Amino acid sequence: MNIHITIGPLLALIAGILILLMPRLLNFIVAIYFIAIGLIGLFGLGAFHLH
C-alpha cells in the first residue's frame, strides 16, 4: 500500500489545527503558510511525495 502525501495540503491541515487551538496566532500562521506555499511553487517542491 502506497500513501502519497503532498506538502501543500499537509501545511494547510497543520495551519488549520493551530488556528483552532490558538486563534491569536492567525496572522502569523497565514503569513507563514503563504510564504511556504510561495517557496514550494518557486522551487517545485509541490511534486515531492512521501512513500
Protein backbone atom coordinates (compact mmCIF):
# COMPACT_ATOMS: atom_id res chain seq x y z
CA MET A 1 0.00 0.00 0.00
CA ASN A 2 1.43 3.37 -1.06
CA ILE A 3 0.46 6.60 0.65
CA HIS A 4 1.18 9.80 -1.26
CA ILE A 5 1.25 13.00 0.80
CA THR A 6 1.84 16.35 -0.85
CA ILE A 7 3.21 19.24 1.14
CA GLY A 8 0.52 21.85 0.34
CA PRO A 9 -2.45 20.04 1.90
CA LEU A 10 -0.30 18.92 4.82
CA LEU A 11 0.66 22.53 5.58
CA ALA A 12 -2.96 23.60 5.30
CA LEU A 13 -4.01 20.90 7.78
CA ILE A 14 -1.34 21.90 10.30
CA ALA A 15 -2.20 25.59 9.92
CA GLY A 16 -5.91 24.89 10.41
CA ILE A 17 -5.28 22.90 13.58
CA LEU A 18 -3.03 25.62 15.01
CA ILE A 19 -5.62 28.30 14.24
CA LEU A 20 -8.29 26.27 16.04
CA LEU A 21 -6.05 25.77 19.07
CA MET A 22 -4.68 29.32 19.25
CA PRO A 23 -6.76 31.90 17.30
CA ARG A 24 -4.37 34.73 18.25
CA LEU A 25 -1.73 33.15 16.01
CA LEU A 26 -3.90 33.55 12.91
CA ASN A 27 -1.85 36.37 11.35
CA PHE A 28 1.45 34.57 11.84
CA ILE A 29 0.13 31.22 10.64
CA VAL A 30 -1.38 32.73 7.50
CA ALA A 31 1.83 34.63 6.74
CA ILE A 32 3.99 31.53 7.23
CA TYR A 33 1.58 29.46 5.15
CA PHE A 34 1.69 31.93 2.25
CA ILE A 35 5.49 32.10 2.41
CA ALA A 36 5.73 28.30 2.43
CA ILE A 37 3.32 27.89 -0.50
CA GLY A 38 5.23 30.56 -2.43
CA LEU A 39 8.54 28.81 -1.83
CA ILE A 40 7.06 25.45 -2.80
CA GLY A 41 5.73 26.98 -6.00
CA LEU A 42 9.03 28.66 -6.86
CA PHE A 43 11.28 25.72 -6.17
CA GLY A 44 8.96 23.00 -7.46
CA LEU A 45 8.63 21.04 -4.24
CA GLY A 46 4.94 20.50 -4.95
CA ALA A 47 5.82 17.29 -6.78
CA PHE A 48 7.55 15.86 -3.67
CA HIS A 49 5.83 12.69 -2.47
CA LEU A 50 6.46 10.61 0.63
CA HIS A 51 6.21 6.88 0.08
